[in-house]
Structures are given as structure tokens and as C-alpha cells.
Amino acid sequence: MTNFTAIVDVAIGMSLIYLGVSLYVTIMNEFIAQKLQLRGKQLAEDLTKLIDDEKLRAALQANPALAPFLTPNGKPGSYVDPDIVARVLIGAARGAEATAATMDDLVKAINGLEGDTSLKKQLQAIAQSASNDVEKFIGAVGHWVDQSLTMMGEVYKQRIKLISFGIGLFAAVAFNIQTLDVASFLYRNKEAREAIVAVAEQFTDQTSKETFDKCLGLGAADRAADKTCKPILGLVTAVEGGNETFGKLPIFWMDWDSARKQIFPSTGGGTGWLLNWLGWLITALAVSLGAPFWFDLLNRLVNLRRGVQPRKTA
């Protein structure tokens, strides 16, 4: 039972560390994506691909809601309403801002579009299934736009995953969070295990699933102003600079000279740097699973430990 409890405690400690690094990566990701407007640029690129008719695209640029996404120097936002895209698109196809009164007008306008574009074919296919209901047709076009942008958005998600992995690897090396060393240290050091488990229990008691999800959804300023997010920000701070508990773990660098010897290949032919990079890589891969994953796992492990703790005799 003692060995099993020790293993659970190590798992709790590593989960808490991974959660802290994941939260740090999430915050850094938000900062980078906001500064570089990654989401808006990807959405603008997807809209340009979706509307492959140059004349319709030029007509859509006149709409204030869509102009930022379709103009070269625009500053696109992170969301566009599919229903607005559908209505403006249909109006542009007719050469007017307002939608048609009948489906016959719409079908004629769509068939009259120049070229053999993918957009024209898709609108024709949707018109055939809409019967004579204009609103049904507009709704179907909006649904198609929404589904298409969602599928195209997978490219953005993959890009964010790569960025997250890069930031996670950077954080692992910069803060020296080497999984193999930390796990071994926690298993051998009962006092360190108990200390980090106490921190984990306090964190899970103070942070509910609803609070965690809410704080992740807030912007940086709102998150900092919300008192219920204090435990989450405190965990990130502990990972960045250490606290009473994290400072006792074999993480963080003492000085640049020791960091250089651990990070770069040794001139003496030693293989210690290979193990270090393996440990940092494991940390980055674990962090890439995301903060929600580690938060849920941490709660389960804490509940498991409380369930298997031996009873104290009077």
C-alpha cells in the first residue's frame, strides 16, 4: 500500500506540474495569437478560399462586417457570423444588398454567375434542396458556410498545436522541468511528495470545474481581475519562478553555466544531455495534451488518493 500511495503521490505531483506548464503555454499562446492575429488571418484566408468568385468577393468587401476579412490591409476579428455571410453573399449574387423575394430570382441569379466556380456549384446544389422557401435556402447556405469554415479551421487548430508544443518545449528547457529527474526525486523524497500533494489538494479544493473553464475563457485582463482565478494564476507563477514547494524540486536553473552544460552536448562525451532532452521532450508532449486534460486527471488522482489513504488510529 505504501508503494502504491507513493506512486499516486508522484502522479499527483507530475499532474500538478504539467497543469501549471499547460496553463503557462495557454496564456503565451493567447498572447502570441492576439498579437499576430493568427485566428483572424486564418479566417480571412478560409473565407477567400470559400468565396472563389472574384466579383462576388469584391462585392462582399463593401459590407462593413466582411470587409476586414476580404481586404488586403484589413484587421479581421476572430469570428464571423455565417448567417451574415449567407445573406450578403446571396444579395451580392443578385447584384443587390437585399435578398430576393422568390426562389426563381435566386436561381436565375446563381445560374447567371460567371465561370464554373465551386461556390456556384454549391449554391446551385443548395437551391435544389430548398424547394421554394427562400428563408430555408438562406439558412442552408449559412449552415454550409459554418460547416465549411469549421472544417477549414482544422488547419488553424493544427497550427496552434504546433505552436503549443514549441512553447511547451521552450518552457520545459527554460524552467528545467525535466520529467525523469522530477519524477525520480518525488518518488525518493517523501517530504517533497507530501508537500506537493498538499498544494494539489488545496488547488483542487479551491478551483471547481466551472471556475477553471470560466477562467480559461477569459481574456488576460479579465482573468487577472477575477478573484476566483487567483489559484490558477498562482500555479502559473509557481511554475515560472517557483514558490516554497516548487522551489524544493529539482527544477529551475541555478546559473547559465550549469544550464549550458545540461542543455548542450558535453565535450567530455557524456550522455547526460541526451537524458535531459528526453525528459524535456516528455514534458512538452505531456503539456501538449492541454490544461483541461491535466485538470481533470489531477482531480481524479486527488480523489483516488483520499480514497486509499490509511485510516489513522485514535
Protein backbone atom coordinates (compact mmCIF):
# COMPACT_ATOMS: atom_id res chain seq x y z
CA MET A 1 0.00 0.00 0.00
CA THR A 2 2.88 2.34 0.79
CA ASN A 3 4.42 1.93 -2.67
CA PHE A 4 1.04 2.40 -4.33
CA THR A 5 0.41 5.59 -2.36
CA ALA A 6 3.88 6.86 -3.31
CA ILE A 7 3.17 6.20 -7.00
CA VAL A 8 -0.17 8.03 -6.75
CA ASP A 9 1.56 10.93 -5.00
CA VAL A 10 4.19 11.12 -7.76
CA ALA A 11 1.40 11.08 -10.36
CA ILE A 12 -0.36 13.90 -8.50
CA GLY A 13 2.82 15.94 -8.34
CA MET A 14 3.61 15.49 -12.02
CA SER A 15 0.00 16.26 -12.98
CA LEU A 16 0.12 19.49 -10.97
CA ILE A 17 3.39 20.50 -12.65
CA TYR A 18 2.09 19.62 -16.12
CA LEU A 19 -1.09 21.58 -15.39
CA GLY A 20 0.94 24.64 -14.39
CA VAL A 21 3.09 24.46 -17.51
CA SER A 22 -0.02 23.87 -19.67
CA LEU A 23 -1.63 26.99 -18.23
CA TYR A 24 1.56 28.94 -18.93
CA VAL A 25 1.52 27.66 -22.53
CA THR A 26 -2.16 28.61 -22.89
CA ILE A 27 -1.50 32.16 -21.71
CA MET A 28 1.52 32.51 -24.00
CA ASN A 29 -0.48 31.08 -26.89
CA GLU A 30 -3.24 33.61 -26.34
CA PHE A 31 -0.70 36.44 -26.28
CA ILE A 32 1.02 35.31 -29.50
CA ALA A 33 -2.26 34.62 -31.33
CA GLN A 34 -3.63 38.02 -30.33
CA LYS A 35 -0.51 39.94 -31.28
CA LEU A 36 -0.12 38.18 -34.64
CA GLN A 37 -3.89 37.98 -35.27
CA LEU A 38 -3.50 34.31 -36.18
CA ARG A 39 -7.18 33.41 -35.85
CA GLY A 40 -8.39 36.39 -37.89
CA LYS A 41 -5.82 35.85 -40.64
CA GLN A 42 -6.72 32.16 -40.90
CA LEU A 43 -10.42 33.02 -41.03
CA ALA A 44 -9.79 35.60 -43.77
CA GLU A 45 -7.81 33.02 -45.74
CA ASP A 46 -10.60 30.46 -45.35
CA LEU A 47 -13.28 32.95 -46.48
CA THR A 48 -11.20 33.82 -49.55
CA LYS A 49 -10.94 30.14 -50.47
CA LEU A 50 -14.64 29.58 -49.83
CA ILE A 51 -15.77 32.51 -51.99
CA ASP A 52 -13.78 31.69 -55.13
CA ASP A 53 -15.77 34.06 -57.34
CA GLU A 54 -13.75 37.28 -57.70
CA LYS A 55 -16.74 39.50 -58.50
CA LEU A 56 -18.74 38.24 -55.52
CA ARG A 57 -15.71 38.61 -53.29
CA ALA A 58 -15.30 42.21 -54.42
CA ALA A 59 -18.99 42.86 -53.73
CA LEU A 60 -18.69 41.39 -50.25
CA GLN A 61 -15.84 43.78 -49.46
CA ALA A 62 -18.37 46.61 -49.46
CA ASN A 63 -20.08 45.13 -46.39
CA PRO A 64 -18.63 46.53 -43.12
CA ALA A 65 -18.97 43.16 -41.38
CA LEU A 66 -16.95 41.30 -44.02
CA ALA A 67 -14.61 43.99 -45.36
CA PRO A 68 -11.89 43.37 -42.70
CA PHE A 69 -11.66 39.72 -43.80
CA LEU A 70 -11.52 40.35 -47.55
CA THR A 71 -9.41 43.49 -47.90
CA PRO A 72 -5.59 43.24 -48.08
CA ASN A 73 -4.94 45.66 -45.21
CA GLY A 74 -7.93 44.71 -43.09
CA LYS A 75 -7.76 43.75 -39.44
CA PRO A 76 -10.02 40.71 -39.23
CA GLY A 77 -11.63 39.61 -36.00
CA SER A 78 -11.72 36.09 -34.62
CA TYR A 79 -15.35 35.37 -35.57
CA VAL A 80 -17.71 35.92 -38.46
CA ASP A 81 -21.47 35.24 -38.41
CA PRO A 82 -22.30 32.55 -41.04
CA ASP A 83 -25.84 33.93 -41.39
CA ILE A 84 -24.50 37.38 -42.30
CA VAL A 85 -22.13 35.81 -44.83
CA ALA A 86 -25.03 33.89 -46.37
CA ARG A 87 -27.34 36.90 -46.67
CA VAL A 88 -24.67 39.22 -48.02
CA LEU A 89 -23.48 36.53 -50.41
CA ILE A 90 -26.96 35.96 -51.81
CA GLY A 91 -27.55 39.69 -52.09
CA ALA A 92 -24.23 40.09 -53.94
CA ALA A 93 -25.14 37.28 -56.31
CA ARG A 94 -28.26 39.24 -57.31
CA GLY A 95 -26.32 42.46 -57.59
CA ALA A 96 -28.25 43.96 -54.68
CA GLU A 97 -27.86 44.10 -50.92
CA ALA A 98 -31.32 42.76 -50.19
CA THR A 99 -32.17 39.10 -50.75
CA ALA A 100 -34.61 38.01 -53.46
CA ALA A 101 -38.35 37.77 -52.91
CA THR A 102 -38.68 34.43 -54.72
CA MET A 103 -36.51 31.37 -55.30
CA ASP A 104 -36.88 31.81 -59.07
CA ASP A 105 -34.98 35.10 -58.84
CA LEU A 106 -32.29 33.46 -56.76
CA VAL A 107 -31.86 30.50 -59.09
CA LYS A 108 -31.58 32.81 -62.12
CA ALA A 109 -29.01 34.95 -60.32
CA ILE A 110 -26.95 31.91 -59.30
CA ASN A 111 -27.09 30.36 -62.78
CA GLY A 112 -26.03 33.71 -64.21
CA LEU A 113 -22.78 33.79 -62.26
CA GLU A 114 -19.71 33.73 -64.47
CA GLY A 115 -17.38 30.77 -64.66
CA ASP A 116 -17.67 27.31 -63.20
CA THR A 117 -16.59 28.02 -59.63
CA SER A 118 -17.02 25.76 -56.63
CA LEU A 119 -19.17 28.43 -55.00
CA LYS A 120 -21.59 28.49 -57.93
CA LYS A 121 -21.93 24.68 -57.90
CA GLN A 122 -22.54 24.64 -54.16
CA LEU A 123 -25.21 27.34 -54.31
CA GLN A 124 -26.95 25.51 -57.16
CA ALA A 125 -26.96 22.27 -55.16
CA ILE A 126 -28.37 24.01 -52.08
CA ALA A 127 -31.04 25.78 -54.16
CA GLN A 128 -32.31 22.45 -55.49
CA SER A 129 -32.88 21.12 -51.96
CA ALA A 130 -34.54 24.32 -50.68
CA SER A 131 -37.72 23.96 -52.79
CA ASN A 132 -39.40 27.40 -52.95
CA ASP A 133 -38.56 28.51 -49.41
CA VAL A 134 -36.18 31.50 -49.52
CA GLU A 135 -35.53 31.52 -45.77
CA LYS A 136 -34.79 27.81 -45.85
CA PHE A 137 -32.31 28.43 -48.63
CA ILE A 138 -30.60 31.24 -46.70
CA GLY A 139 -30.41 29.03 -43.62
CA ALA A 140 -28.93 26.18 -45.66
CA VAL A 141 -26.30 28.49 -47.14
CA GLY A 142 -25.45 29.77 -43.66
CA HIS A 143 -25.13 26.19 -42.41
CA TRP A 144 -22.85 25.34 -45.33
CA VAL A 145 -20.67 28.39 -44.62
CA ASP A 146 -20.48 27.43 -40.94
CA GLN A 147 -19.57 23.80 -41.66
CA SER A 148 -17.03 24.77 -44.30
CA LEU A 149 -15.27 27.27 -42.06
CA THR A 150 -15.25 24.74 -39.22
CA MET A 151 -13.58 22.13 -41.42
CA MET A 152 -11.08 24.66 -42.73
CA GLY A 153 -10.43 25.73 -39.14
CA GLU A 154 -8.74 22.38 -38.50
CA VAL A 155 -5.67 23.86 -40.19
CA TYR A 156 -5.64 26.63 -37.57
CA LYS A 157 -6.01 24.08 -34.77
CA GLN A 158 -3.06 22.08 -36.07
CA ARG A 159 -1.02 25.26 -36.30
CA ILE A 160 -1.90 26.17 -32.71
CA LYS A 161 -0.94 22.65 -31.57
CA LEU A 162 2.48 23.04 -33.16
CA ILE A 163 2.94 26.44 -31.55
CA SER A 164 1.81 25.00 -28.19
CA PHE A 165 4.30 22.15 -28.47
CA GLY A 166 7.08 24.65 -29.28
CA ILE A 167 6.18 26.85 -26.31
CA GLY A 168 5.89 23.77 -24.10
CA LEU A 169 9.37 22.58 -25.09
CA PHE A 170 10.74 26.07 -24.54
CA ALA A 171 9.15 26.23 -21.08
CA ALA A 172 10.45 22.76 -20.20
CA VAL A 173 14.02 23.78 -21.03
CA ALA A 174 13.80 27.36 -19.76
CA PHE A 175 12.40 26.28 -16.37
CA ASN A 176 14.33 22.97 -16.39
CA ILE A 177 11.21 20.86 -15.90
CA GLN A 178 12.78 17.54 -16.76
CA THR A 179 10.20 14.80 -16.21
CA LEU A 180 12.64 11.96 -15.48
CA ASP A 181 14.51 13.89 -12.78
CA VAL A 182 11.42 15.37 -11.15
CA ALA A 183 9.52 12.05 -11.04
CA SER A 184 12.55 10.24 -9.61
CA PHE A 185 13.07 12.94 -6.99
CA LEU A 186 9.44 12.86 -5.88
CA TYR A 187 9.45 9.07 -5.58
CA ARG A 188 12.57 9.10 -3.40
CA ASN A 189 11.65 12.13 -1.30
CA LYS A 190 8.60 11.60 0.90
CA GLU A 191 8.65 15.14 2.30
CA ALA A 192 8.59 16.67 -1.19
CA ARG A 193 5.77 14.34 -2.22
CA GLU A 194 3.62 15.26 0.75
CA ALA A 195 4.26 18.98 0.20
CA ILE A 196 3.26 18.97 -3.46
CA VAL A 197 0.25 16.73 -2.76
CA ALA A 198 -0.90 19.26 -0.16
CA VAL A 199 -0.62 22.02 -2.77
CA ALA A 200 -2.56 19.89 -5.27
CA GLU A 201 -5.34 19.18 -2.77
CA GLN A 202 -5.60 22.85 -1.88
CA PHE A 203 -5.75 23.79 -5.57
CA THR A 204 -8.49 21.27 -6.40
CA ASP A 205 -10.50 22.30 -3.33
CA GLN A 206 -10.34 25.97 -4.34
CA THR A 207 -10.96 25.52 -8.07
CA SER A 208 -14.10 23.87 -9.41
CA LYS A 209 -14.50 22.67 -12.98
CA GLU A 210 -16.84 25.58 -13.72
CA THR A 211 -14.35 28.11 -12.34
CA PHE A 212 -11.48 26.52 -14.27
CA ASP A 213 -13.35 26.60 -17.59
CA LYS A 214 -14.55 30.16 -16.94
CA CYS A 215 -11.05 31.43 -16.20
CA LEU A 216 -9.60 29.78 -19.30
CA GLY A 217 -12.26 31.51 -21.41
CA LEU A 218 -11.49 34.97 -20.05
CA GLY A 219 -9.07 37.44 -21.56
CA ALA A 220 -5.80 38.20 -19.78
CA ALA A 221 -7.07 41.41 -18.12
CA ASP A 222 -10.39 39.91 -17.00
CA ARG A 223 -8.64 36.80 -15.71
CA ALA A 224 -6.26 38.88 -13.63
CA ALA A 225 -9.14 40.92 -12.18
CA ASP A 226 -11.26 37.88 -11.28
CA LYS A 227 -10.52 36.74 -7.70
CA THR A 228 -11.73 33.21 -8.40
CA CYS A 229 -8.90 32.81 -10.93
CA LYS A 230 -6.23 33.57 -8.31
CA PRO A 231 -5.30 29.89 -7.66
CA ILE A 232 -4.81 29.33 -11.40
CA LEU A 233 -2.59 32.37 -11.82
CA GLY A 234 -0.74 31.40 -8.65
CA LEU A 235 0.07 27.99 -10.14
CA VAL A 236 1.40 29.63 -13.29
CA THR A 237 3.57 31.95 -11.18
CA ALA A 238 4.90 28.96 -9.23
CA VAL A 239 5.93 27.26 -12.48
CA GLU A 240 7.57 30.44 -13.79
CA GLY A 241 9.54 31.45 -10.72
CA GLY A 242 8.96 28.88 -8.02
CA ASN A 243 7.42 29.07 -4.55
CA GLU A 244 8.06 27.39 -1.23
CA THR A 245 7.01 23.98 -2.57
CA PHE A 246 8.18 24.18 -6.19
CA GLY A 247 11.48 25.68 -5.10
CA LYS A 248 12.41 22.41 -3.38
CA LEU A 249 12.02 20.41 -6.58
CA PRO A 250 14.92 19.81 -8.99
CA ILE A 251 13.65 22.40 -11.44
CA PHE A 252 14.82 25.88 -12.46
CA TRP A 253 18.43 26.77 -13.26
CA MET A 254 20.97 27.96 -10.72
CA ASP A 255 23.10 29.80 -13.29
CA TRP A 256 23.82 29.93 -17.01
CA ASP A 257 27.00 27.84 -16.75
CA SER A 258 25.16 24.86 -15.27
CA ALA A 259 22.32 25.32 -17.76
CA ARG A 260 24.74 25.33 -20.70
CA LYS A 261 26.35 22.07 -19.56
CA GLN A 262 22.95 20.38 -19.21
CA ILE A 263 21.39 21.67 -22.43
CA PHE A 264 24.23 21.27 -24.93
CA PRO A 265 26.27 18.13 -25.74
CA SER A 266 29.14 17.63 -23.34
CA THR A 267 32.66 17.88 -24.75
CA GLY A 268 33.63 15.02 -22.46
CA GLY A 269 31.42 12.61 -24.38
CA GLY A 270 28.85 12.12 -21.64
CA THR A 271 25.25 11.22 -22.46
CA GLY A 272 23.59 13.14 -19.64
CA TRP A 273 22.36 15.81 -22.03
CA LEU A 274 20.50 13.14 -24.03
CA LEU A 275 18.54 12.10 -20.94
CA ASN A 276 17.82 15.74 -20.20
CA TRP A 277 16.42 16.33 -23.66
CA LEU A 278 14.38 13.14 -23.37
CA GLY A 279 12.92 14.40 -20.09
CA TRP A 280 12.18 17.85 -21.53
CA LEU A 281 10.60 16.27 -24.61
CA ILE A 282 8.35 14.13 -22.40
CA THR A 283 7.31 17.30 -20.57
CA ALA A 284 6.49 19.08 -23.83
CA LEU A 285 4.48 16.10 -25.12
CA ALA A 286 2.57 15.87 -21.83
CA VAL A 287 1.82 19.60 -21.87
CA SER A 288 0.52 19.34 -25.44
CA LEU A 289 -2.44 17.35 -24.06
CA GLY A 290 -3.77 20.66 -22.73
CA ALA A 291 -4.66 22.19 -19.37
CA PRO A 292 -8.24 20.76 -19.23
CA PHE A 293 -6.85 17.21 -19.52
CA TRP A 294 -4.42 17.68 -16.63
CA PHE A 295 -7.00 19.47 -14.50
CA ASP A 296 -9.44 16.56 -14.85
CA LEU A 297 -6.72 13.97 -14.22
CA LEU A 298 -5.44 15.87 -11.17
CA ASN A 299 -8.92 15.87 -9.64
CA ARG A 300 -9.31 12.14 -10.22
CA LEU A 301 -5.91 11.36 -8.72
CA VAL A 302 -6.59 13.51 -5.65
CA ASN A 303 -9.93 11.76 -5.13
CA LEU A 304 -8.21 8.39 -5.60
CA ARG A 305 -5.58 9.22 -3.01
CA ARG A 306 -8.17 10.34 -0.49
CA GLY A 307 -9.95 7.06 -1.05
CA VAL A 308 -6.91 4.86 -0.40
CA GLN A 309 -5.36 6.80 2.49
CA PRO A 310 -5.00 4.51 5.54
CA ARG A 311 -7.17 5.40 8.50
CA LYS A 312 -5.40 6.95 11.46
CA THR A 313 -5.94 5.13 14.74
CA ALA A 314 -7.09 7.09 17.75
